[in-house]
Amino acid sequence: MTNPTGGFIWYELMTSDPDAAASFYGAVVGWTIAAHGDPDAPGGVDYRMIVRTDGGHAGGMLTLTADMIAGGARPGWLGYLYAPDVDAAVAAITADGGMVHMAAHDLPVGRMAMVADPQGAPFYIMNPIPPAGAPDKVAEAFSVTEAQHVRWNELATSDPDAAIRFYTKHFGWGQEGALDMGALGQYRFLQHDGEMIGAVMPLMEGYPAPTWNFYIGVDDIDRARDAVVANGGTVTSEPMEIPGDDAGHAMNAIDPQGAAVGFVGPRKS
């Protein structure tokens, strides 16, 4: 891989109803999600690729089994960060107060682990195996500007200062600039590899625990908002203008299976 260490390289939707989720995100975002999981997937899990209209992969969708749900898994989105040495990254994260939810292990697509930062927000780290014949392929699930990609990564946490120290130390991120949210605190911007990738904010009422929230690019924020409602989702914050020239509008929602998700895009109407 030619991705820089610490970049977001993949996103995964965990869902209890893959067919319904495919219908919802197809209507809201424009993605195509396979009708069936890969029969060769390790462990027999139902894992489906999320495909953009340009043919690229936006991420994957994991069907939660009854055993997973009994073990505490719930619908939600998780991000993957690139780590060229997964085992060393796990050791460093745990030494710094982080947790391991899934030990480092090998899959046909690479080596990975599920961890959490010291405040409890979960994420994956992974060293993927490049596709055959494309050793220099760059992951493209994240894009600052493009629809049908995740465009913004937002961490809500109980200790923003500690979280910023953790991610800058282990993944090479920067933190410059902030938006004053008044009584809600500072919305502090994150940079990686020369791009603004997201922000860190204080944990607010309604967030049961520290978590990452991802904003998916859409072609028209008002169309997407109407599609969320028409397809069984719940709008939790209406489209709001993002400060900055031509930054667009962002909104938050919960999909029909209960996964929190954000959307960002232009207002065309």
C-alpha atoms as a PDB file:
ATOM      1  CA  MET A   1       0.000   0.000   0.000  1.00  0.00           C
ATOM      2  CA  THR A   2       1.145   3.564  -0.660  1.00  0.00           C
ATOM      3  CA  ASN A   3      -1.223   5.123   1.868  1.00  0.00           C
ATOM      4  CA  PRO A   4       0.420   7.129   4.647  1.00  0.00           C
ATOM      5  CA  THR A   5       0.366   5.541   8.092  1.00  0.00           C
ATOM      6  CA  GLY A   6      -2.672   6.566  10.104  1.00  0.00           C
ATOM      7  CA  GLY A   7      -5.004   7.351   7.234  1.00  0.00           C
ATOM      8  CA  PHE A   8      -8.608   6.162   7.026  1.00  0.00           C
ATOM      9  CA  ILE A   9      -8.584   3.383   4.435  1.00  0.00           C
ATOM     10  CA  TRP A  10     -11.950   1.620   4.890  1.00  0.00           C
ATOM     11  CA  TYR A  11     -15.335   1.941   6.543  1.00  0.00           C
ATOM     12  CA  GLU A  12     -17.644  -0.808   7.715  1.00  0.00           C
ATOM     13  CA  LEU A  13     -21.343  -0.811   8.452  1.00  0.00           C
ATOM     14  CA  MET A  14     -22.455  -3.392  10.991  1.00  0.00           C
ATOM     15  CA  THR A  15     -26.158  -4.049  10.501  1.00  0.00           C
ATOM     16  CA  SER A  16     -28.888  -6.432  11.613  1.00  0.00           C
ATOM     17  CA  ASP A  17     -30.707  -6.342   8.244  1.00  0.00           C
ATOM     18  CA  PRO A  18     -28.376  -6.168   5.233  1.00  0.00           C
ATOM     19  CA  ASP A  19     -31.111  -6.074   2.615  1.00  0.00           C
ATOM     20  CA  ALA A  20     -32.933  -3.194   4.297  1.00  0.00           C
ATOM     21  CA  ALA A  21     -29.642  -1.349   4.846  1.00  0.00           C
ATOM     22  CA  ALA A  22     -28.725  -1.817   1.190  1.00  0.00           C
ATOM     23  CA  SER A  23     -32.051  -0.333   0.144  1.00  0.00           C
ATOM     24  CA  PHE A  24     -31.679   2.627   2.528  1.00  0.00           C
ATOM     25  CA  TYR A  25     -28.134   3.604   1.549  1.00  0.00           C
ATOM     26  CA  GLY A  26     -28.864   3.000  -2.106  1.00  0.00           C
ATOM     27  CA  ALA A  27     -31.685   5.526  -1.952  1.00  0.00           C
ATOM     28  CA  VAL A  28     -29.869   8.093   0.194  1.00  0.00           C
ATOM     29  CA  VAL A  29     -26.307   7.871  -1.138  1.00  0.00           C
ATOM     30  CA  GLY A  30     -26.563   6.034  -4.459  1.00  0.00           C
ATOM     31  CA  TRP A  31     -24.473   3.024  -3.459  1.00  0.00           C
ATOM     32  CA  THR A  32     -24.989  -0.508  -4.732  1.00  0.00           C
ATOM     33  CA  ILE A  33     -24.594  -3.290  -2.165  1.00  0.00           C
ATOM     34  CA  ALA A  34     -24.500  -6.944  -3.156  1.00  0.00           C
ATOM     35  CA  ALA A  35     -27.633  -8.993  -2.579  1.00  0.00           C
ATOM     36  CA  HIS A  36     -25.592 -11.796  -1.017  1.00  0.00           C
ATOM     37  CA  GLY A  37     -22.390 -12.045   1.002  1.00  0.00           C
ATOM     38  CA  ASP A  38     -19.200 -13.583  -0.336  1.00  0.00           C
ATOM     39  CA  PRO A  39     -19.571 -17.364   0.117  1.00  0.00           C
ATOM     40  CA  ASP A  40     -15.800 -17.595   0.616  1.00  0.00           C
ATOM     41  CA  ALA A  41     -15.724 -15.056   3.458  1.00  0.00           C
ATOM     42  CA  PRO A  42     -13.756 -16.359   6.479  1.00  0.00           C
ATOM     43  CA  GLY A  43     -15.904 -17.863   9.198  1.00  0.00           C
ATOM     44  CA  GLY A  44     -18.956 -17.891   6.983  1.00  0.00           C
ATOM     45  CA  VAL A  45     -19.821 -14.285   7.876  1.00  0.00           C
ATOM     46  CA  ASP A  46     -22.165 -12.322   5.624  1.00  0.00           C
ATOM     47  CA  TYR A  47     -19.880  -9.551   4.353  1.00  0.00           C
ATOM     48  CA  ARG A  48     -20.895  -7.455   1.354  1.00  0.00           C
ATOM     49  CA  MET A  49     -18.993  -4.821  -0.598  1.00  0.00           C
ATOM     50  CA  ILE A  50     -20.394  -1.285  -0.836  1.00  0.00           C
ATOM     51  CA  VAL A  51     -19.888  -0.069  -4.398  1.00  0.00           C
ATOM     52  CA  ARG A  52     -19.983   3.494  -5.711  1.00  0.00           C
ATOM     53  CA  THR A  53     -21.408   4.404  -9.100  1.00  0.00           C
ATOM     54  CA  ASP A  54     -17.831   4.822 -10.415  1.00  0.00           C
ATOM     55  CA  GLY A  55     -17.171   1.153  -9.596  1.00  0.00           C
ATOM     56  CA  GLY A  56     -14.910   1.778  -6.608  1.00  0.00           C
ATOM     57  CA  HIS A  57     -15.499   0.405  -3.137  1.00  0.00           C
ATOM     58  CA  ALA A  58     -16.843   2.760  -0.483  1.00  0.00           C
ATOM     59  CA  GLY A  59     -16.492   0.149   2.270  1.00  0.00           C
ATOM     60  CA  GLY A  60     -18.101  -3.056   3.444  1.00  0.00           C
ATOM     61  CA  MET A  61     -21.198  -4.245   5.261  1.00  0.00           C
ATOM     62  CA  LEU A  62     -21.104  -6.897   7.981  1.00  0.00           C
ATOM     63  CA  THR A  63     -24.309  -8.674   8.971  1.00  0.00           C
ATOM     64  CA  LEU A  64     -24.587  -9.034  12.725  1.00  0.00           C
ATOM     65  CA  THR A  65     -25.404 -12.588  13.777  1.00  0.00           C
ATOM     66  CA  ALA A  66     -27.519 -13.507  16.783  1.00  0.00           C
ATOM     67  CA  ASP A  67     -24.341 -14.444  18.658  1.00  0.00           C
ATOM     68  CA  MET A  68     -22.739 -11.074  17.876  1.00  0.00           C
ATOM     69  CA  ILE A  69     -25.813  -9.227  19.117  1.00  0.00           C
ATOM     70  CA  ALA A  70     -25.938 -11.393  22.242  1.00  0.00           C
ATOM     71  CA  GLY A  71     -22.318 -10.422  22.832  1.00  0.00           C
ATOM     72  CA  GLY A  72     -23.172  -6.723  22.744  1.00  0.00           C
ATOM     73  CA  ALA A  73     -22.664  -5.787  19.075  1.00  0.00           C
ATOM     74  CA  ARG A  74     -25.068  -3.204  17.716  1.00  0.00           C
ATOM     75  CA  PRO A  75     -25.632  -1.567  14.317  1.00  0.00           C
ATOM     76  CA  GLY A  76     -23.067   1.135  13.668  1.00  0.00           C
ATOM     77  CA  TRP A  77     -20.213   2.380  11.505  1.00  0.00           C
ATOM     78  CA  LEU A  78     -16.518   1.719  12.196  1.00  0.00           C
ATOM     79  CA  GLY A  79     -13.442   3.144  10.498  1.00  0.00           C
ATOM     80  CA  TYR A  80     -10.151   1.451   9.603  1.00  0.00           C
ATOM     81  CA  LEU A  81      -6.791   3.181  10.051  1.00  0.00           C
ATOM     82  CA  TYR A  82      -3.730   2.061   8.116  1.00  0.00           C
ATOM     83  CA  ALA A  83      -0.947   0.551  10.229  1.00  0.00           C
ATOM     84  CA  PRO A  84       1.967  -1.100   8.396  1.00  0.00           C
ATOM     85  CA  ASP A  85       2.779  -3.144  11.525  1.00  0.00           C
ATOM     86  CA  VAL A  86      -0.500  -4.097  13.182  1.00  0.00           C
ATOM     87  CA  ASP A  87       1.079  -5.975  16.086  1.00  0.00           C
ATOM     88  CA  ALA A  88       3.391  -3.107  16.988  1.00  0.00           C
ATOM     89  CA  ALA A  89       0.457  -0.687  16.776  1.00  0.00           C
ATOM     90  CA  VAL A  90      -1.653  -2.869  19.094  1.00  0.00           C
ATOM     91  CA  ALA A  91       1.176  -3.061  21.618  1.00  0.00           C
ATOM     92  CA  ALA A  92       1.687   0.707  21.553  1.00  0.00           C
ATOM     93  CA  ILE A  93      -2.041   1.414  21.856  1.00  0.00           C
ATOM     94  CA  THR A  94      -2.509  -0.885  24.838  1.00  0.00           C
ATOM     95  CA  ALA A  95       0.618   0.483  26.526  1.00  0.00           C
ATOM     96  CA  ASP A  96      -0.935   3.938  26.210  1.00  0.00           C
ATOM     97  CA  GLY A  97      -4.242   2.979  27.828  1.00  0.00           C
ATOM     98  CA  GLY A  98      -6.154   1.715  24.808  1.00  0.00           C
ATOM     99  CA  MET A  99      -8.060  -1.556  24.635  1.00  0.00           C
ATOM    100  CA  VAL A 100      -8.181  -4.550  22.302  1.00  0.00           C
ATOM    101  CA  HIS A 101     -11.625  -5.775  21.267  1.00  0.00           C
ATOM    102  CA  MET A 102     -10.381  -8.204  18.605  1.00  0.00           C
ATOM    103  CA  ALA A 103      -6.798  -9.467  18.646  1.00  0.00           C
ATOM    104  CA  ALA A 104      -4.563  -9.064  15.643  1.00  0.00           C
ATOM    105  CA  HIS A 105      -5.269 -11.761  13.080  1.00  0.00           C
ATOM    106  CA  ASP A 106      -4.783 -12.520   9.412  1.00  0.00           C
ATOM    107  CA  LEU A 107      -7.486 -12.575   6.758  1.00  0.00           C
ATOM    108  CA  PRO A 108      -7.149 -13.066   3.012  1.00  0.00           C
ATOM    109  CA  VAL A 109      -7.344  -9.270   2.657  1.00  0.00           C
ATOM    110  CA  GLY A 110      -4.677  -8.445   5.255  1.00  0.00           C
ATOM    111  CA  ARG A 111      -3.812  -8.311   8.951  1.00  0.00           C
ATOM    112  CA  MET A 112      -6.100  -6.389  11.278  1.00  0.00           C
ATOM    113  CA  ALA A 113      -7.272  -5.810  14.844  1.00  0.00           C
ATOM    114  CA  MET A 114     -10.149  -3.976  16.505  1.00  0.00           C
ATOM    115  CA  VAL A 115      -9.051  -1.618  19.247  1.00  0.00           C
ATOM    116  CA  ALA A 116     -10.378   1.341  21.202  1.00  0.00           C
ATOM    117  CA  ASP A 117      -8.715   4.559  22.259  1.00  0.00           C
ATOM    118  CA  PRO A 118      -8.239   5.216  26.012  1.00  0.00           C
ATOM    119  CA  GLN A 119     -11.656   6.902  26.205  1.00  0.00           C
ATOM    120  CA  GLY A 120     -13.364   3.891  24.620  1.00  0.00           C
ATOM    121  CA  ALA A 121     -14.060   4.890  21.003  1.00  0.00           C
ATOM    122  CA  PRO A 122     -13.581   1.750  18.851  1.00  0.00           C
ATOM    123  CA  PHE A 123     -11.843   1.514  15.481  1.00  0.00           C
ATOM    124  CA  TYR A 124      -9.900  -0.978  13.386  1.00  0.00           C
ATOM    125  CA  ILE A 125      -6.246  -0.929  12.442  1.00  0.00           C
ATOM    126  CA  MET A 126      -5.211  -2.815   9.347  1.00  0.00           C
ATOM    127  CA  ASN A 127      -2.370  -3.567   6.961  1.00  0.00           C
ATOM    128  CA  PRO A 128      -4.240  -4.637   3.825  1.00  0.00           C
ATOM    129  CA  ILE A 129      -2.884  -6.857   1.091  1.00  0.00           C
ATOM    130  CA  PRO A 130      -2.940  -4.900  -2.178  1.00  0.00           C
ATOM    131  CA  PRO A 131      -4.979  -6.352  -5.041  1.00  0.00           C
ATOM    132  CA  ALA A 132      -3.129  -8.671  -7.409  1.00  0.00           C
ATOM    133  CA  GLY A 133      -1.280  -6.664 -10.008  1.00  0.00           C
ATOM    134  CA  ALA A 134      -1.732  -3.357  -8.133  1.00  0.00           C
ATOM    135  CA  PRO A 135       0.913  -3.224  -5.378  1.00  0.00           C
ATOM    136  CA  ASP A 136       0.773   0.581  -5.219  1.00  0.00           C
ATOM    137  CA  LYS A 137      -2.995   0.904  -5.019  1.00  0.00           C
ATOM    138  CA  VAL A 138      -4.162   3.732  -2.773  1.00  0.00           C
ATOM    139  CA  ALA A 139      -7.262   3.283  -0.605  1.00  0.00           C
ATOM    140  CA  GLU A 140      -9.969   5.725  -1.646  1.00  0.00           C
ATOM    141  CA  ALA A 141     -12.863   5.171   0.744  1.00  0.00           C
ATOM    142  CA  PHE A 142     -12.186   8.631   2.217  1.00  0.00           C
ATOM    143  CA  SER A 143     -12.302  11.797   0.127  1.00  0.00           C
ATOM    144  CA  VAL A 144     -12.468  15.376   1.331  1.00  0.00           C
ATOM    145  CA  THR A 145     -14.655  16.462  -1.575  1.00  0.00           C
ATOM    146  CA  GLU A 146     -16.355  13.568  -3.372  1.00  0.00           C
ATOM    147  CA  ALA A 147     -19.891  12.236  -3.031  1.00  0.00           C
ATOM    148  CA  GLN A 148     -20.342   8.529  -2.192  1.00  0.00           C
ATOM    149  CA  HIS A 149     -17.126   8.608  -0.129  1.00  0.00           C
ATOM    150  CA  VAL A 150     -16.831   9.334   3.566  1.00  0.00           C
ATOM    151  CA  ARG A 151     -15.866  13.011   3.614  1.00  0.00           C
ATOM    152  CA  TRP A 152     -15.498  13.770   7.337  1.00  0.00           C
ATOM    153  CA  ASN A 153     -14.496  11.812  10.456  1.00  0.00           C
ATOM    154  CA  GLU A 154     -15.823  13.163  13.753  1.00  0.00           C
ATOM    155  CA  LEU A 155     -14.823  11.927  17.202  1.00  0.00           C
ATOM    156  CA  ALA A 156     -17.103  12.650  20.153  1.00  0.00           C
ATOM    157  CA  THR A 157     -15.134  11.925  23.303  1.00  0.00           C
ATOM    158  CA  SER A 158     -15.153  12.384  27.062  1.00  0.00           C
ATOM    159  CA  ASP A 159     -11.618  13.848  27.028  1.00  0.00           C
ATOM    160  CA  PRO A 160     -10.780  15.772  23.837  1.00  0.00           C
ATOM    161  CA  ASP A 161      -7.300  16.781  25.021  1.00  0.00           C
ATOM    162  CA  ALA A 162      -6.300  13.199  25.790  1.00  0.00           C
ATOM    163  CA  ALA A 163      -7.833  11.916  22.554  1.00  0.00           C
ATOM    164  CA  ILE A 164      -5.905  14.443  20.476  1.00  0.00           C
ATOM    165  CA  ARG A 165      -2.670  13.465  22.206  1.00  0.00           C
ATOM    166  CA  PHE A 166      -3.409   9.785  21.526  1.00  0.00           C
ATOM    167  CA  TYR A 167      -4.169  10.089  17.802  1.00  0.00           C
ATOM    168  CA  THR A 168      -1.402  12.555  17.059  1.00  0.00           C
ATOM    169  CA  LYS A 169       1.092  10.295  18.832  1.00  0.00           C
ATOM    170  CA  HIS A 170       0.065   6.980  17.296  1.00  0.00           C
ATOM    171  CA  PHE A 171      -1.161   7.970  13.829  1.00  0.00           C
ATOM    172  CA  GLY A 172       0.739  11.119  12.927  1.00  0.00           C
ATOM    173  CA  TRP A 173      -2.259  13.427  12.882  1.00  0.00           C
ATOM    174  CA  GLY A 174      -2.175  17.153  13.467  1.00  0.00           C
ATOM    175  CA  GLN A 175      -4.605  19.412  15.300  1.00  0.00           C
ATOM    176  CA  GLU A 176      -4.888  23.011  14.211  1.00  0.00           C
ATOM    177  CA  GLY A 177      -7.866  25.315  14.367  1.00  0.00           C
ATOM    178  CA  ALA A 178     -11.201  25.070  16.107  1.00  0.00           C
ATOM    179  CA  LEU A 179     -14.792  26.226  15.972  1.00  0.00           C
ATOM    180  CA  ASP A 180     -16.203  27.659  19.188  1.00  0.00           C
ATOM    181  CA  MET A 181     -19.527  25.948  19.975  1.00  0.00           C
ATOM    182  CA  GLY A 182     -20.187  28.104  23.033  1.00  0.00           C
ATOM    183  CA  ALA A 183     -21.368  26.116  26.021  1.00  0.00           C
ATOM    184  CA  LEU A 184     -20.791  22.899  24.060  1.00  0.00           C
ATOM    185  CA  GLY A 185     -17.038  23.516  23.894  1.00  0.00           C
ATOM    186  CA  GLN A 186     -14.522  23.507  21.058  1.00  0.00           C
ATOM    187  CA  TYR A 187     -14.890  21.656  17.763  1.00  0.00           C
ATOM    188  CA  ARG A 188     -11.211  20.995  17.063  1.00  0.00           C
ATOM    189  CA  PHE A 189     -10.056  20.201  13.542  1.00  0.00           C
ATOM    190  CA  LEU A 190      -7.803  17.256  12.657  1.00  0.00           C
ATOM    191  CA  GLN A 191      -5.286  17.080   9.822  1.00  0.00           C
ATOM    192  CA  HIS A 192      -3.455  14.165   8.236  1.00  0.00           C
ATOM    193  CA  ASP A 193      -1.131  14.048   5.227  1.00  0.00           C
ATOM    194  CA  GLY A 194      -1.890  17.648   4.315  1.00  0.00           C
ATOM    195  CA  GLU A 195      -5.681  17.334   4.473  1.00  0.00           C
ATOM    196  CA  MET A 196      -8.313  18.241   7.024  1.00  0.00           C
ATOM    197  CA  ILE A 197      -9.873  14.858   7.807  1.00  0.00           C
ATOM    198  CA  GLY A 198     -12.305  15.605  10.617  1.00  0.00           C
ATOM    199  CA  ALA A 199     -12.646  16.951  14.125  1.00  0.00           C
ATOM    200  CA  VAL A 200     -12.781  16.139  17.819  1.00  0.00           C
ATOM    201  CA  MET A 201     -15.645  17.392  19.976  1.00  0.00           C
ATOM    202  CA  PRO A 202     -16.730  16.932  23.600  1.00  0.00           C
ATOM    203  CA  LEU A 203     -19.148  14.117  24.310  1.00  0.00           C
ATOM    204  CA  MET A 204     -22.615  15.669  24.398  1.00  0.00           C
ATOM    205  CA  GLU A 205     -25.998  14.640  25.697  1.00  0.00           C
ATOM    206  CA  GLY A 206     -27.396  11.806  23.605  1.00  0.00           C
ATOM    207  CA  TYR A 207     -24.024  10.111  23.072  1.00  0.00           C
ATOM    208  CA  PRO A 208     -23.918   7.093  25.400  1.00  0.00           C
ATOM    209  CA  ALA A 209     -20.167   6.614  25.000  1.00  0.00           C
ATOM    210  CA  PRO A 210     -17.204   8.011  23.051  1.00  0.00           C
ATOM    211  CA  THR A 211     -17.615   7.185  19.380  1.00  0.00           C
ATOM    212  CA  TRP A 212     -16.585   8.017  15.845  1.00  0.00           C
ATOM    213  CA  ASN A 213     -19.247   9.438  13.551  1.00  0.00           C
ATOM    214  CA  PHE A 214     -18.734   9.460   9.796  1.00  0.00           C
ATOM    215  CA  TYR A 215     -20.219  11.868   7.263  1.00  0.00           C
ATOM    216  CA  ILE A 216     -20.922  10.381   3.834  1.00  0.00           C
ATOM    217  CA  GLY A 217     -20.886  12.629   0.795  1.00  0.00           C
ATOM    218  CA  VAL A 218     -24.177  13.075  -1.068  1.00  0.00           C
ATOM    219  CA  ASP A 219     -25.009  14.937  -4.257  1.00  0.00           C
ATOM    220  CA  ASP A 220     -27.785  17.072  -2.724  1.00  0.00           C
ATOM    221  CA  ILE A 221     -28.283  17.415   1.030  1.00  0.00           C
ATOM    222  CA  ASP A 222     -32.005  18.173   0.791  1.00  0.00           C
ATOM    223  CA  ARG A 223     -32.662  15.239  -1.512  1.00  0.00           C
ATOM    224  CA  ALA A 224     -30.690  13.019   0.874  1.00  0.00           C
ATOM    225  CA  ARG A 225     -32.630  14.339   3.872  1.00  0.00           C
ATOM    226  CA  ASP A 226     -35.950  13.527   2.199  1.00  0.00           C
ATOM    227  CA  ALA A 227     -34.654  10.078   1.208  1.00  0.00           C
ATOM    228  CA  VAL A 228     -33.658   9.336   4.812  1.00  0.00           C
ATOM    229  CA  VAL A 229     -37.218   9.976   5.973  1.00  0.00           C
ATOM    230  CA  ALA A 230     -38.886   8.245   3.016  1.00  0.00           C
ATOM    231  CA  ASN A 231     -36.816   5.114   3.562  1.00  0.00           C
ATOM    232  CA  GLY A 232     -37.379   4.604   7.270  1.00  0.00           C
ATOM    233  CA  GLY A 233     -34.503   6.569   8.774  1.00  0.00           C
ATOM    234  CA  THR A 234     -34.660   9.265  11.431  1.00  0.00           C
ATOM    235  CA  VAL A 235     -33.209  12.751  11.039  1.00  0.00           C
ATOM    236  CA  THR A 236     -31.527  13.742  14.318  1.00  0.00           C
ATOM    237  CA  SER A 237     -30.215  17.120  13.136  1.00  0.00           C
ATOM    238  CA  GLU A 238     -31.494  18.984  10.103  1.00  0.00           C
ATOM    239  CA  PRO A 239     -29.096  20.133   7.354  1.00  0.00           C
ATOM    240  CA  MET A 240     -26.940  22.993   8.604  1.00  0.00           C
ATOM    241  CA  GLU A 241     -24.556  25.178   6.665  1.00  0.00           C
ATOM    242  CA  ILE A 242     -20.892  24.383   7.337  1.00  0.00           C
ATOM    243  CA  PRO A 243     -18.794  27.485   8.047  1.00  0.00           C
ATOM    244  CA  GLY A 244     -16.373  28.248   5.238  1.00  0.00           C
ATOM    245  CA  ASP A 245     -16.588  29.055   1.556  1.00  0.00           C
ATOM    246  CA  ASP A 246     -18.525  26.461  -0.434  1.00  0.00           C
ATOM    247  CA  ALA A 247     -18.257  23.948   2.417  1.00  0.00           C
ATOM    248  CA  GLY A 248     -21.806  22.718   1.907  1.00  0.00           C
ATOM    249  CA  HIS A 249     -24.303  21.455   4.452  1.00  0.00           C
ATOM    250  CA  ALA A 250     -24.214  18.586   6.951  1.00  0.00           C
ATOM    251  CA  MET A 251     -26.896  16.610   8.773  1.00  0.00           C
ATOM    252  CA  ASN A 252     -27.139  13.666  11.137  1.00  0.00           C
ATOM    253  CA  ALA A 253     -29.438  10.662  11.033  1.00  0.00           C
ATOM    254  CA  ILE A 254     -30.047   7.156  12.294  1.00  0.00           C
ATOM    255  CA  ASP A 255     -30.596   4.473   9.682  1.00  0.00           C
ATOM    256  CA  PRO A 256     -33.573   2.073  10.001  1.00  0.00           C
ATOM    257  CA  GLN A 257     -31.472  -0.522  11.838  1.00  0.00           C
ATOM    258  CA  GLY A 258     -30.168   1.989  14.392  1.00  0.00           C
ATOM    259  CA  ALA A 259     -26.733   2.983  13.056  1.00  0.00           C
ATOM    260  CA  ALA A 260     -25.860   6.656  13.543  1.00  0.00           C
ATOM    261  CA  VAL A 261     -24.570   8.299  10.373  1.00  0.00           C
ATOM    262  CA  GLY A 262     -23.889  11.755   8.970  1.00  0.00           C
ATOM    263  CA  PHE A 263     -24.300  13.143   5.476  1.00  0.00           C
ATOM    264  CA  VAL A 264     -22.630  16.128   3.861  1.00  0.00           C
ATOM    265  CA  GLY A 265     -23.153  17.780   0.499  1.00  0.00           C
ATOM    266  CA  PRO A 266     -24.317  20.861  -1.394  1.00  0.00           C
ATOM    267  CA  ARG A 267     -27.743  22.438  -1.160  1.00  0.00           C
ATOM    268  CA  LYS A 268     -29.055  22.534  -4.737  1.00  0.00           C
ATOM    269  CA  SER A 269     -32.620  23.679  -4.206  1.00  0.00           C
END
